[in-house]
Amino acid sequence: MFKELKGFGGNLFEAVFAKNVRQNYASHILVKLTDFDWSFIRDELKGYYSKEGQNAFDPVLMFKIVFLKEAMNLNSDYQLEELANLHILFRFFLNVSFDDKLPDRSTIIVFRNLLIEKALFDKAFHKVVLYAREKGFLGACLGAADSTVVEAKVNLSRWAKKKEDDKDEDYIDRNSPDKDAAFGAKGKEKFYGYKSHQITDVGSGLVVAALTTSANVHDVKPFPDLLALGKALLQDDFLAITADKAYNGREKEIQALNLIDFVIPKDNQKFWKNWKESNDDYVYARSMRCMVERPFAVGKRSYRLKRSRYWGLLKTHAQALLTYTAYNLKKIFAVPIPLPAGAAA
């Protein structure tokens, strides 16, 4: 069903190379990530491969190639194809010999579109969160929710020049190549594109739930779905939620999920403001809300999350999920795996 590959270290020359890579690059994230079990990708996709015809590339290999583009902040699928073929650490991470032929970029693009269609990026992200929980990185979760701007892959200046009437304010919405993008505002700044919504566990700094909407969707609207995602994944370990004043109005949904409501009240909610501020746990949660900004900052600085690589809501969401997956994995494998309670050091 799948192509048989030799694997990195499949000959004497590469076996020596593999040993040297393990010794000399032990702290490199691509070397560390070889210890993560990616086989769930194969289990999720095996039903989509025919037993007839030519053997296909292993979906685990394909997913790891797609993952590399975001994790290593590559510019394009052209660069991804080139480095996957030439870079020793890429080959080591993918576990492919220099004798093994890798898929070209058109095959990579087709596979990525399949992953988007089957919501596999969501499942991969969830798998990493559950892995962090299993290994002890995630315990009792105080979540912090917020959203960030993801600009659309649209040259607004170029499209604005095509307007025949300067008063035609809907021109870009009607003619944009990205039909899912929209104009929105974050604070006092206006932008065109999407919002990436997420919940970060303030204890570990890991992203535990993520959604993407068009920019014209107010933060409070997808908030219940975001909470439900986190609760479904972490269950009783998800204890409380904090967020800024924009997330007010979802008290019933928070209560229905058995979460403690540490959302910051608006200034005109004097009773709730005074009541919450008399609670030391709320004061702590409010002070930790800033933790949600870190994945956004890293995502934009290190993974190009500031601007969508693609057109469309689903593809932009996939980009965000890959970003958070890479962010979480790097945080998890940057430190030793915690020992189980009571285990000897």
C-alpha atoms as a PDB file:
ATOM      1  CA  MET A   1       0.000   0.000   0.000  1.00  0.00           C
ATOM      2  CA  PHE A   2       2.808   2.421   0.917  1.00  0.00           C
ATOM      3  CA  LYS A   3       6.213   2.858  -0.701  1.00  0.00           C
ATOM      4  CA  GLU A   4       9.027   1.022   1.073  1.00  0.00           C
ATOM      5  CA  LEU A   5      11.820   3.391   2.068  1.00  0.00           C
ATOM      6  CA  LYS A   6      15.261   2.525   3.438  1.00  0.00           C
ATOM      7  CA  GLY A   7      15.099   5.072   6.242  1.00  0.00           C
ATOM      8  CA  PHE A   8      17.887   7.296   7.525  1.00  0.00           C
ATOM      9  CA  GLY A   9      20.832   5.110   8.474  1.00  0.00           C
ATOM     10  CA  GLY A  10      19.860   2.441   5.973  1.00  0.00           C
ATOM     11  CA  ASN A  11      23.454   2.092   4.759  1.00  0.00           C
ATOM     12  CA  LEU A  12      26.839   2.119   6.514  1.00  0.00           C
ATOM     13  CA  PHE A  13      27.619   5.729   5.620  1.00  0.00           C
ATOM     14  CA  GLU A  14      24.278   7.019   6.918  1.00  0.00           C
ATOM     15  CA  ALA A  15      24.427   4.807  10.021  1.00  0.00           C
ATOM     16  CA  VAL A  16      27.578   6.664  11.104  1.00  0.00           C
ATOM     17  CA  PHE A  17      25.912   9.938  10.180  1.00  0.00           C
ATOM     18  CA  ALA A  18      22.822   9.076  12.238  1.00  0.00           C
ATOM     19  CA  LYS A  19      24.999   8.352  15.291  1.00  0.00           C
ATOM     20  CA  ASN A  20      26.795  11.677  14.880  1.00  0.00           C
ATOM     21  CA  VAL A  21      23.523  13.555  14.484  1.00  0.00           C
ATOM     22  CA  ARG A  22      22.195  12.021  17.708  1.00  0.00           C
ATOM     23  CA  GLN A  23      25.373  13.003  19.551  1.00  0.00           C
ATOM     24  CA  ASN A  24      26.124  16.433  18.089  1.00  0.00           C
ATOM     25  CA  TYR A  25      22.609  17.749  17.499  1.00  0.00           C
ATOM     26  CA  ALA A  26      20.801  16.156  20.439  1.00  0.00           C
ATOM     27  CA  SER A  27      19.321  19.524  21.484  1.00  0.00           C
ATOM     28  CA  HIS A  28      17.980  20.387  18.011  1.00  0.00           C
ATOM     29  CA  ILE A  29      14.187  20.296  17.895  1.00  0.00           C
ATOM     30  CA  LEU A  30      14.075  18.106  14.771  1.00  0.00           C
ATOM     31  CA  VAL A  31      16.208  15.488  16.502  1.00  0.00           C
ATOM     32  CA  LYS A  32      14.051  15.647  19.643  1.00  0.00           C
ATOM     33  CA  LEU A  33      10.834  15.332  17.641  1.00  0.00           C
ATOM     34  CA  THR A  34      11.895  11.974  16.225  1.00  0.00           C
ATOM     35  CA  ASP A  35      10.879  10.594  19.637  1.00  0.00           C
ATOM     36  CA  PHE A  36       7.282  11.716  19.154  1.00  0.00           C
ATOM     37  CA  ASP A  37       4.893   9.020  17.879  1.00  0.00           C
ATOM     38  CA  TRP A  38       3.369  10.255  14.615  1.00  0.00           C
ATOM     39  CA  SER A  39       1.681   6.947  13.722  1.00  0.00           C
ATOM     40  CA  PHE A  40      -1.798   8.288  14.559  1.00  0.00           C
ATOM     41  CA  ILE A  41      -1.680  10.094  11.204  1.00  0.00           C
ATOM     42  CA  ARG A  42      -1.454   6.752   9.407  1.00  0.00           C
ATOM     43  CA  ASP A  43      -4.334   5.355  11.461  1.00  0.00           C
ATOM     44  CA  GLU A  44      -6.547   8.344  10.612  1.00  0.00           C
ATOM     45  CA  LEU A  45      -5.842   8.241   6.879  1.00  0.00           C
ATOM     46  CA  LYS A  46      -5.454   4.568   6.030  1.00  0.00           C
ATOM     47  CA  GLY A  47      -9.072   4.346   4.863  1.00  0.00           C
ATOM     48  CA  TYR A  48      -8.448   6.912   2.130  1.00  0.00           C
ATOM     49  CA  TYR A  49      -5.763   4.874   0.357  1.00  0.00           C
ATOM     50  CA  SER A  50      -6.576   2.289  -2.295  1.00  0.00           C
ATOM     51  CA  LYS A  51      -5.019  -1.172  -2.179  1.00  0.00           C
ATOM     52  CA  GLU A  52      -4.804  -1.120  -5.967  1.00  0.00           C
ATOM     53  CA  GLY A  53      -2.501   0.860  -8.248  1.00  0.00           C
ATOM     54  CA  GLN A  54       0.873   2.333  -7.370  1.00  0.00           C
ATOM     55  CA  ASN A  55       2.015   2.456  -3.785  1.00  0.00           C
ATOM     56  CA  ALA A  56       1.606   5.872  -2.185  1.00  0.00           C
ATOM     57  CA  PHE A  57       3.956   7.712   0.143  1.00  0.00           C
ATOM     58  CA  ASP A  58       3.347   6.916   3.807  1.00  0.00           C
ATOM     59  CA  PRO A  59       0.938   9.548   5.247  1.00  0.00           C
ATOM     60  CA  VAL A  60       3.193   9.880   8.320  1.00  0.00           C
ATOM     61  CA  LEU A  61       6.049  10.956   6.052  1.00  0.00           C
ATOM     62  CA  MET A  62       3.734  13.295   4.141  1.00  0.00           C
ATOM     63  CA  PHE A  63       2.384  14.920   7.308  1.00  0.00           C
ATOM     64  CA  LYS A  64       5.883  15.451   8.700  1.00  0.00           C
ATOM     65  CA  ILE A  65       6.885  17.169   5.455  1.00  0.00           C
ATOM     66  CA  VAL A  66       3.851  19.482   5.660  1.00  0.00           C
ATOM     67  CA  PHE A  67       4.632  20.105   9.344  1.00  0.00           C
ATOM     68  CA  LEU A  68       8.198  21.132   8.480  1.00  0.00           C
ATOM     69  CA  LYS A  69       7.035  24.143   6.477  1.00  0.00           C
ATOM     70  CA  GLU A  70       5.477  25.793   9.527  1.00  0.00           C
ATOM     71  CA  ALA A  71       7.851  24.421  12.178  1.00  0.00           C
ATOM     72  CA  MET A  72      10.957  25.636  10.324  1.00  0.00           C
ATOM     73  CA  ASN A  73       9.357  28.852   8.997  1.00  0.00           C
ATOM     74  CA  LEU A  74       9.947  28.074   5.329  1.00  0.00           C
ATOM     75  CA  ASN A  75       8.930  30.547   2.653  1.00  0.00           C
ATOM     76  CA  SER A  76       7.194  28.305   0.149  1.00  0.00           C
ATOM     77  CA  ASP A  77       6.482  24.782  -1.040  1.00  0.00           C
ATOM     78  CA  TYR A  78       9.419  25.205  -3.464  1.00  0.00           C
ATOM     79  CA  GLN A  79      11.780  25.765  -0.529  1.00  0.00           C
ATOM     80  CA  LEU A  80      10.146  22.916   1.394  1.00  0.00           C
ATOM     81  CA  GLU A  81      10.740  20.481  -1.466  1.00  0.00           C
ATOM     82  CA  GLU A  82      14.341  21.633  -1.898  1.00  0.00           C
ATOM     83  CA  LEU A  83      15.355  21.463   1.772  1.00  0.00           C
ATOM     84  CA  ALA A  84      13.587  18.149   2.375  1.00  0.00           C
ATOM     85  CA  ASN A  85      15.836  16.718  -0.317  1.00  0.00           C
ATOM     86  CA  LEU A  86      19.086  18.419   0.702  1.00  0.00           C
ATOM     87  CA  HIS A  87      19.081  19.108   4.461  1.00  0.00           C
ATOM     88  CA  ILE A  88      20.566  16.348   6.629  1.00  0.00           C
ATOM     89  CA  LEU A  89      18.473  17.172   9.707  1.00  0.00           C
ATOM     90  CA  PHE A  90      15.312  17.260   7.581  1.00  0.00           C
ATOM     91  CA  ARG A  91      16.142  13.786   6.264  1.00  0.00           C
ATOM     92  CA  PHE A  92      16.890  12.605   9.788  1.00  0.00           C
ATOM     93  CA  PHE A  93      13.563  13.949  11.094  1.00  0.00           C
ATOM     94  CA  LEU A  94      11.670  12.398   8.165  1.00  0.00           C
ATOM     95  CA  ASN A  95      13.623   9.137   8.576  1.00  0.00           C
ATOM     96  CA  VAL A  96      14.446   8.852   4.883  1.00  0.00           C
ATOM     97  CA  SER A  97      17.714   7.818   3.285  1.00  0.00           C
ATOM     98  CA  PHE A  98      19.434   9.965   0.680  1.00  0.00           C
ATOM     99  CA  ASP A  99      18.688   7.033  -1.621  1.00  0.00           C
ATOM    100  CA  ASP A 100      14.945   7.431  -0.965  1.00  0.00           C
ATOM    101  CA  LYS A 101      12.935   9.588  -3.362  1.00  0.00           C
ATOM    102  CA  LEU A 102      10.696  12.192  -1.699  1.00  0.00           C
ATOM    103  CA  PRO A 103       7.371  13.552  -3.015  1.00  0.00           C
ATOM    104  CA  ASP A 104       7.415  16.674  -5.169  1.00  0.00           C
ATOM    105  CA  ARG A 105       5.609  19.852  -4.169  1.00  0.00           C
ATOM    106  CA  SER A 106       2.481  19.093  -6.221  1.00  0.00           C
ATOM    107  CA  THR A 107       2.052  15.831  -4.274  1.00  0.00           C
ATOM    108  CA  ILE A 108       2.624  17.747  -1.022  1.00  0.00           C
ATOM    109  CA  ILE A 109      -0.050  20.311  -1.953  1.00  0.00           C
ATOM    110  CA  VAL A 110      -2.591  17.587  -2.812  1.00  0.00           C
ATOM    111  CA  PHE A 111      -1.902  15.861   0.509  1.00  0.00           C
ATOM    112  CA  ARG A 112      -2.205  19.111   2.474  1.00  0.00           C
ATOM    113  CA  ASN A 113      -5.584  19.776   0.850  1.00  0.00           C
ATOM    114  CA  LEU A 114      -6.700  16.267   1.872  1.00  0.00           C
ATOM    115  CA  LEU A 115      -5.686  16.996   5.463  1.00  0.00           C
ATOM    116  CA  ILE A 116      -7.692  20.225   5.396  1.00  0.00           C
ATOM    117  CA  GLU A 117     -10.730  18.499   3.895  1.00  0.00           C
ATOM    118  CA  LYS A 118     -10.686  15.731   6.528  1.00  0.00           C
ATOM    119  CA  ALA A 119      -9.935  18.105   9.462  1.00  0.00           C
ATOM    120  CA  LEU A 120      -6.731  16.180  10.192  1.00  0.00           C
ATOM    121  CA  PHE A 121      -4.899  19.284  11.355  1.00  0.00           C
ATOM    122  CA  ASP A 122      -7.461  19.602  14.154  1.00  0.00           C
ATOM    123  CA  LYS A 123      -6.887  15.976  15.153  1.00  0.00           C
ATOM    124  CA  ALA A 124      -3.102  16.382  15.076  1.00  0.00           C
ATOM    125  CA  PHE A 125      -3.328  19.478  17.274  1.00  0.00           C
ATOM    126  CA  HIS A 126      -5.628  17.656  19.714  1.00  0.00           C
ATOM    127  CA  LYS A 127      -3.256  14.668  19.779  1.00  0.00           C
ATOM    128  CA  VAL A 128      -0.388  16.904  20.862  1.00  0.00           C
ATOM    129  CA  VAL A 129      -2.512  18.470  23.632  1.00  0.00           C
ATOM    130  CA  LEU A 130      -3.484  15.007  24.892  1.00  0.00           C
ATOM    131  CA  TYR A 131       0.160  13.920  24.712  1.00  0.00           C
ATOM    132  CA  ALA A 132       1.121  16.905  26.881  1.00  0.00           C
ATOM    133  CA  ARG A 133      -1.604  15.961  29.356  1.00  0.00           C
ATOM    134  CA  GLU A 134      -0.499  12.305  29.418  1.00  0.00           C
ATOM    135  CA  LYS A 135       3.139  13.251  30.033  1.00  0.00           C
ATOM    136  CA  GLY A 136       2.309  15.604  32.888  1.00  0.00           C
ATOM    137  CA  PHE A 137       2.794  18.973  31.199  1.00  0.00           C
ATOM    138  CA  LEU A 138      -0.893  19.786  31.596  1.00  0.00           C
ATOM    139  CA  GLY A 139      -2.585  19.449  34.953  1.00  0.00           C
ATOM    140  CA  ALA A 140      -5.338  21.571  36.473  1.00  0.00           C
ATOM    141  CA  CYS A 141      -5.928  24.068  33.681  1.00  0.00           C
ATOM    142  CA  LEU A 142      -6.597  27.773  34.109  1.00  0.00           C
ATOM    143  CA  GLY A 143      -7.256  28.869  30.551  1.00  0.00           C
ATOM    144  CA  ALA A 144      -6.745  32.356  29.123  1.00  0.00           C
ATOM    145  CA  ALA A 145      -8.689  33.225  25.966  1.00  0.00           C
ATOM    146  CA  ASP A 146      -8.010  35.871  23.327  1.00  0.00           C
ATOM    147  CA  SER A 147      -7.736  36.366  19.579  1.00  0.00           C
ATOM    148  CA  THR A 148      -5.169  37.798  17.196  1.00  0.00           C
ATOM    149  CA  VAL A 149      -5.245  39.266  13.701  1.00  0.00           C
ATOM    150  CA  VAL A 150      -4.241  37.145  10.689  1.00  0.00           C
ATOM    151  CA  GLU A 151      -4.119  39.346   7.610  1.00  0.00           C
ATOM    152  CA  ALA A 152      -5.482  37.920   4.365  1.00  0.00           C
ATOM    153  CA  LYS A 153      -3.187  37.096   1.482  1.00  0.00           C
ATOM    154  CA  VAL A 154      -4.608  40.018  -0.487  1.00  0.00           C
ATOM    155  CA  ASN A 155      -2.858  43.162  -1.746  1.00  0.00           C
ATOM    156  CA  LEU A 156      -5.405  45.767  -0.664  1.00  0.00           C
ATOM    157  CA  SER A 157      -3.564  48.655  -2.319  1.00  0.00           C
ATOM    158  CA  ARG A 158      -3.630  46.900  -5.666  1.00  0.00           C
ATOM    159  CA  TRP A 159      -7.346  46.130  -5.434  1.00  0.00           C
ATOM    160  CA  ALA A 160      -8.192  49.620  -4.206  1.00  0.00           C
ATOM    161  CA  LYS A 161      -6.659  51.077  -7.378  1.00  0.00           C
ATOM    162  CA  LYS A 162      -9.183  49.146  -9.466  1.00  0.00           C
ATOM    163  CA  LYS A 163     -12.149  50.908  -7.874  1.00  0.00           C
ATOM    164  CA  GLU A 164     -13.973  53.155 -10.307  1.00  0.00           C
ATOM    165  CA  ASP A 165     -15.863  54.923  -7.534  1.00  0.00           C
ATOM    166  CA  ASP A 166     -14.041  55.931  -4.339  1.00  0.00           C
ATOM    167  CA  LYS A 167     -17.351  55.780  -2.488  1.00  0.00           C
ATOM    168  CA  ASP A 168     -17.753  52.085  -3.310  1.00  0.00           C
ATOM    169  CA  GLU A 169     -16.839  50.778   0.154  1.00  0.00           C
ATOM    170  CA  ASP A 170     -17.813  47.153  -0.623  1.00  0.00           C
ATOM    171  CA  TYR A 171     -15.620  46.846  -3.723  1.00  0.00           C
ATOM    172  CA  ILE A 172     -12.904  44.739  -2.096  1.00  0.00           C
ATOM    173  CA  ASP A 173     -15.428  42.464  -0.340  1.00  0.00           C
ATOM    174  CA  ARG A 174     -17.119  41.767  -3.688  1.00  0.00           C
ATOM    175  CA  ASN A 175     -13.974  41.306  -5.756  1.00  0.00           C
ATOM    176  CA  SER A 176     -11.372  39.920  -3.352  1.00  0.00           C
ATOM    177  CA  PRO A 177      -9.703  36.662  -4.434  1.00  0.00           C
ATOM    178  CA  ASP A 178     -10.185  35.471  -0.837  1.00  0.00           C
ATOM    179  CA  LYS A 179     -13.957  35.205  -0.479  1.00  0.00           C
ATOM    180  CA  ASP A 180     -13.839  34.180   3.210  1.00  0.00           C
ATOM    181  CA  ALA A 181     -11.805  37.172   4.388  1.00  0.00           C
ATOM    182  CA  ALA A 182     -13.513  40.280   5.751  1.00  0.00           C
ATOM    183  CA  PHE A 183     -12.777  43.678   7.227  1.00  0.00           C
ATOM    184  CA  GLY A 184     -12.607  43.844  10.997  1.00  0.00           C
ATOM    185  CA  ALA A 185     -11.050  45.725  13.861  1.00  0.00           C
ATOM    186  CA  LYS A 186      -8.800  44.808  16.758  1.00  0.00           C
ATOM    187  CA  GLY A 187      -8.809  47.671  19.217  1.00  0.00           C
ATOM    188  CA  LYS A 188      -8.561  50.854  17.161  1.00  0.00           C
ATOM    189  CA  GLU A 189      -6.829  49.196  14.205  1.00  0.00           C
ATOM    190  CA  LYS A 190      -8.753  48.015  11.136  1.00  0.00           C
ATOM    191  CA  PHE A 191      -7.565  45.104   9.035  1.00  0.00           C
ATOM    192  CA  TYR A 192      -8.678  42.675   6.328  1.00  0.00           C
ATOM    193  CA  GLY A 193      -8.519  38.951   6.926  1.00  0.00           C
ATOM    194  CA  TYR A 194      -9.193  36.622   9.840  1.00  0.00           C
ATOM    195  CA  LYS A 195      -9.028  36.190  13.594  1.00  0.00           C
ATOM    196  CA  SER A 196      -7.287  33.286  15.271  1.00  0.00           C
ATOM    197  CA  HIS A 197      -8.977  32.528  18.608  1.00  0.00           C
ATOM    198  CA  GLN A 198      -7.263  30.341  21.189  1.00  0.00           C
ATOM    199  CA  ILE A 199      -7.079  29.305  24.825  1.00  0.00           C
ATOM    200  CA  THR A 200      -3.698  29.014  26.509  1.00  0.00           C
ATOM    201  CA  ASP A 201      -3.105  27.068  29.721  1.00  0.00           C
ATOM    202  CA  VAL A 202      -1.371  29.656  31.912  1.00  0.00           C
ATOM    203  CA  GLY A 203       0.532  27.024  33.891  1.00  0.00           C
ATOM    204  CA  SER A 204       2.298  25.316  30.999  1.00  0.00           C
ATOM    205  CA  GLY A 205       1.965  28.022  28.364  1.00  0.00           C
ATOM    206  CA  LEU A 206       0.531  25.468  25.918  1.00  0.00           C
ATOM    207  CA  VAL A 207      -2.311  26.249  23.522  1.00  0.00           C
ATOM    208  CA  VAL A 208      -5.207  23.891  24.313  1.00  0.00           C
ATOM    209  CA  ALA A 209      -7.983  25.041  21.954  1.00  0.00           C
ATOM    210  CA  ALA A 210      -8.081  27.015  18.702  1.00  0.00           C
ATOM    211  CA  LEU A 211     -10.646  28.336  16.229  1.00  0.00           C
ATOM    212  CA  THR A 212     -10.453  30.657  13.215  1.00  0.00           C
ATOM    213  CA  THR A 213     -13.113  33.106  12.030  1.00  0.00           C
ATOM    214  CA  SER A 214     -13.410  35.921   9.541  1.00  0.00           C
ATOM    215  CA  ALA A 215     -12.263  39.280  10.905  1.00  0.00           C
ATOM    216  CA  ASN A 216     -15.797  40.692  11.200  1.00  0.00           C
ATOM    217  CA  VAL A 217     -16.784  38.131  13.867  1.00  0.00           C
ATOM    218  CA  HIS A 218     -16.764  39.554  17.397  1.00  0.00           C
ATOM    219  CA  ASP A 219     -14.559  37.667  19.866  1.00  0.00           C
ATOM    220  CA  VAL A 220     -17.468  36.733  22.129  1.00  0.00           C
ATOM    221  CA  LYS A 221     -19.364  34.858  19.388  1.00  0.00           C
ATOM    222  CA  PRO A 222     -17.031  31.823  18.974  1.00  0.00           C
ATOM    223  CA  PHE A 223     -16.144  31.873  22.694  1.00  0.00           C
ATOM    224  CA  PRO A 224     -18.611  29.094  23.710  1.00  0.00           C
ATOM    225  CA  ASP A 225     -17.345  26.795  20.946  1.00  0.00           C
ATOM    226  CA  LEU A 226     -13.761  27.519  21.975  1.00  0.00           C
ATOM    227  CA  LEU A 227     -14.568  26.654  25.595  1.00  0.00           C
ATOM    228  CA  ALA A 228     -16.365  23.474  24.519  1.00  0.00           C
ATOM    229  CA  LEU A 229     -13.300  22.371  22.529  1.00  0.00           C
ATOM    230  CA  GLY A 230     -11.053  22.829  25.530  1.00  0.00           C
ATOM    231  CA  LYS A 231     -13.490  21.060  27.850  1.00  0.00           C
ATOM    232  CA  ALA A 232     -13.967  18.106  25.486  1.00  0.00           C
ATOM    233  CA  LEU A 233     -10.211  17.662  25.298  1.00  0.00           C
ATOM    234  CA  LEU A 234      -9.151  18.249  28.909  1.00  0.00           C
ATOM    235  CA  GLN A 235     -12.446  17.270  30.592  1.00  0.00           C
ATOM    236  CA  ASP A 236     -12.288  17.725  34.387  1.00  0.00           C
ATOM    237  CA  ASP A 237      -8.748  19.093  34.190  1.00  0.00           C
ATOM    238  CA  PHE A 238     -10.121  22.271  32.575  1.00  0.00           C
ATOM    239  CA  LEU A 239     -11.129  24.208  35.685  1.00  0.00           C
ATOM    240  CA  ALA A 240     -11.392  27.937  34.964  1.00  0.00           C
ATOM    241  CA  ILE A 241     -11.250  30.574  32.232  1.00  0.00           C
ATOM    242  CA  THR A 242     -10.039  34.162  32.174  1.00  0.00           C
ATOM    243  CA  ALA A 243     -10.377  36.678  29.356  1.00  0.00           C
ATOM    244  CA  ASP A 244     -10.651  40.410  28.824  1.00  0.00           C
ATOM    245  CA  LYS A 245     -13.837  42.514  28.962  1.00  0.00           C
ATOM    246  CA  ALA A 246     -14.769  41.713  25.346  1.00  0.00           C
ATOM    247  CA  TYR A 247     -15.725  38.175  26.388  1.00  0.00           C
ATOM    248  CA  ASN A 248     -18.480  39.221  28.779  1.00  0.00           C
ATOM    249  CA  GLY A 249     -21.990  37.877  28.231  1.00  0.00           C
ATOM    250  CA  ARG A 250     -21.210  34.141  28.169  1.00  0.00           C
ATOM    251  CA  GLU A 251     -21.725  33.424  31.862  1.00  0.00           C
ATOM    252  CA  LYS A 252     -24.364  30.755  31.216  1.00  0.00           C
ATOM    253  CA  GLU A 253     -22.176  28.858  28.768  1.00  0.00           C
ATOM    254  CA  ILE A 254     -19.223  28.998  31.174  1.00  0.00           C
ATOM    255  CA  GLN A 255     -21.376  27.708  34.019  1.00  0.00           C
ATOM    256  CA  ALA A 256     -22.861  24.942  31.843  1.00  0.00           C
ATOM    257  CA  LEU A 257     -19.331  23.600  31.264  1.00  0.00           C
ATOM    258  CA  ASN A 258     -18.622  23.635  35.021  1.00  0.00           C
ATOM    259  CA  LEU A 259     -15.889  26.219  34.586  1.00  0.00           C
ATOM    260  CA  ILE A 260     -15.035  28.947  37.068  1.00  0.00           C
ATOM    261  CA  ASP A 261     -15.725  32.344  35.502  1.00  0.00           C
ATOM    262  CA  PHE A 262     -12.697  34.626  35.833  1.00  0.00           C
ATOM    263  CA  VAL A 263     -13.582  36.784  32.802  1.00  0.00           C
ATOM    264  CA  ILE A 264     -12.814  40.441  33.601  1.00  0.00           C
ATOM    265  CA  PRO A 265     -16.068  42.393  34.164  1.00  0.00           C
ATOM    266  CA  LYS A 266     -16.832  45.626  32.355  1.00  0.00           C
ATOM    267  CA  ASP A 267     -16.541  48.886  34.281  1.00  0.00           C
ATOM    268  CA  ASN A 268     -20.329  49.284  34.501  1.00  0.00           C
ATOM    269  CA  GLN A 269     -20.673  45.829  36.132  1.00  0.00           C
ATOM    270  CA  LYS A 270     -19.745  47.248  39.530  1.00  0.00           C
ATOM    271  CA  PHE A 271     -21.284  44.477  41.615  1.00  0.00           C
ATOM    272  CA  TRP A 272     -19.507  41.659  39.753  1.00  0.00           C
ATOM    273  CA  LYS A 273     -16.312  43.673  39.558  1.00  0.00           C
ATOM    274  CA  ASN A 274     -16.200  44.230  43.325  1.00  0.00           C
ATOM    275  CA  TRP A 275     -17.239  40.628  44.040  1.00  0.00           C
ATOM    276  CA  LYS A 276     -14.588  39.139  41.759  1.00  0.00           C
ATOM    277  CA  GLU A 277     -11.825  41.439  42.934  1.00  0.00           C
ATOM    278  CA  SER A 278     -12.409  40.277  46.504  1.00  0.00           C
ATOM    279  CA  ASN A 279     -11.466  36.757  45.340  1.00  0.00           C
ATOM    280  CA  ASP A 280      -7.710  36.058  45.456  1.00  0.00           C
ATOM    281  CA  ASP A 281      -8.046  33.337  42.794  1.00  0.00           C
ATOM    282  CA  TYR A 282      -9.643  35.820  40.413  1.00  0.00           C
ATOM    283  CA  VAL A 283      -6.905  38.385  41.073  1.00  0.00           C
ATOM    284  CA  TYR A 284      -4.298  35.730  40.261  1.00  0.00           C
ATOM    285  CA  ALA A 285      -6.158  34.609  37.111  1.00  0.00           C
ATOM    286  CA  ARG A 286      -6.454  38.206  35.923  1.00  0.00           C
ATOM    287  CA  SER A 287      -2.720  38.749  36.416  1.00  0.00           C
ATOM    288  CA  MET A 288      -1.962  35.615  34.356  1.00  0.00           C
ATOM    289  CA  ARG A 289      -4.205  36.501  31.431  1.00  0.00           C
ATOM    290  CA  CYS A 290      -1.203  37.972  29.608  1.00  0.00           C
ATOM    291  CA  MET A 291       0.082  34.414  29.057  1.00  0.00           C
ATOM    292  CA  VAL A 292      -2.291  34.105  26.103  1.00  0.00           C
ATOM    293  CA  GLU A 293      -0.244  36.718  24.231  1.00  0.00           C
ATOM    294  CA  ARG A 294       2.919  34.628  24.122  1.00  0.00           C
ATOM    295  CA  PRO A 295       1.780  32.028  21.536  1.00  0.00           C
ATOM    296  CA  PHE A 296       0.494  34.874  19.359  1.00  0.00           C
ATOM    297  CA  ALA A 297       3.811  36.720  19.572  1.00  0.00           C
ATOM    298  CA  VAL A 298       5.855  33.594  18.831  1.00  0.00           C
ATOM    299  CA  GLY A 299       3.438  32.576  16.073  1.00  0.00           C
ATOM    300  CA  LYS A 300       3.857  35.887  14.300  1.00  0.00           C
ATOM    301  CA  ARG A 301       7.584  36.214  14.887  1.00  0.00           C
ATOM    302  CA  SER A 302       8.675  32.644  14.208  1.00  0.00           C
ATOM    303  CA  TYR A 303       5.890  31.038  12.148  1.00  0.00           C
ATOM    304  CA  ARG A 304       4.508  33.832   9.894  1.00  0.00           C
ATOM    305  CA  LEU A 305       1.080  33.754  11.502  1.00  0.00           C
ATOM    306  CA  LYS A 306       0.772  37.502  10.972  1.00  0.00           C
ATOM    307  CA  ARG A 307      -0.406  36.871   7.410  1.00  0.00           C
ATOM    308  CA  SER A 308      -2.194  33.906   5.883  1.00  0.00           C
ATOM    309  CA  ARG A 309      -0.183  31.858   3.415  1.00  0.00           C
ATOM    310  CA  TYR A 310      -3.339  30.804   1.589  1.00  0.00           C
ATOM    311  CA  TRP A 311      -6.825  31.906   0.503  1.00  0.00           C
ATOM    312  CA  GLY A 312      -9.823  30.670   2.454  1.00  0.00           C
ATOM    313  CA  LEU A 313     -10.956  30.164   6.029  1.00  0.00           C
ATOM    314  CA  LEU A 314     -10.192  26.430   6.202  1.00  0.00           C
ATOM    315  CA  LYS A 315      -6.647  26.821   4.904  1.00  0.00           C
ATOM    316  CA  THR A 316      -5.957  29.764   7.205  1.00  0.00           C
ATOM    317  CA  HIS A 317      -7.279  27.700  10.117  1.00  0.00           C
ATOM    318  CA  ALA A 318      -4.979  24.840   9.083  1.00  0.00           C
ATOM    319  CA  GLN A 319      -2.028  27.244   9.084  1.00  0.00           C
ATOM    320  CA  ALA A 320      -2.921  28.431  12.592  1.00  0.00           C
ATOM    321  CA  LEU A 321      -3.295  24.859  13.859  1.00  0.00           C
ATOM    322  CA  LEU A 322       0.079  23.845  12.428  1.00  0.00           C
ATOM    323  CA  THR A 323       1.590  26.909  14.076  1.00  0.00           C
ATOM    324  CA  TYR A 324       0.137  26.018  17.484  1.00  0.00           C
ATOM    325  CA  THR A 325       1.077  22.353  17.018  1.00  0.00           C
ATOM    326  CA  ALA A 326       4.689  23.310  16.304  1.00  0.00           C
ATOM    327  CA  TYR A 327       4.664  25.815  19.174  1.00  0.00           C
ATOM    328  CA  ASN A 328       3.357  23.205  21.630  1.00  0.00           C
ATOM    329  CA  LEU A 329       5.745  20.487  20.503  1.00  0.00           C
ATOM    330  CA  LYS A 330       8.731  22.803  20.779  1.00  0.00           C
ATOM    331  CA  LYS A 331       7.717  23.768  24.314  1.00  0.00           C
ATOM    332  CA  ILE A 332       7.145  20.140  25.302  1.00  0.00           C
ATOM    333  CA  PHE A 333      10.430  18.839  23.905  1.00  0.00           C
ATOM    334  CA  ALA A 334      12.468  21.825  25.081  1.00  0.00           C
ATOM    335  CA  VAL A 335      12.434  20.392  28.610  1.00  0.00           C
ATOM    336  CA  PRO A 336      12.722  16.835  29.991  1.00  0.00           C
ATOM    337  CA  ILE A 337       9.532  14.782  30.151  1.00  0.00           C
ATOM    338  CA  PRO A 338       8.178  15.029  33.748  1.00  0.00           C
ATOM    339  CA  LEU A 339       8.543  11.870  35.826  1.00  0.00           C
ATOM    340  CA  PRO A 340       5.341  10.202  37.047  1.00  0.00           C
ATOM    341  CA  ALA A 341       4.357  11.021  40.630  1.00  0.00           C
ATOM    342  CA  GLY A 342       6.355   8.900  43.058  1.00  0.00           C
ATOM    343  CA  ALA A 343       8.897   7.766  40.459  1.00  0.00           C
ATOM    344  CA  ALA A 344      12.578   7.829  41.340  1.00  0.00           C
ATOM    345  CA  ALA A 345      14.617  10.542  39.656  1.00  0.00           C
END
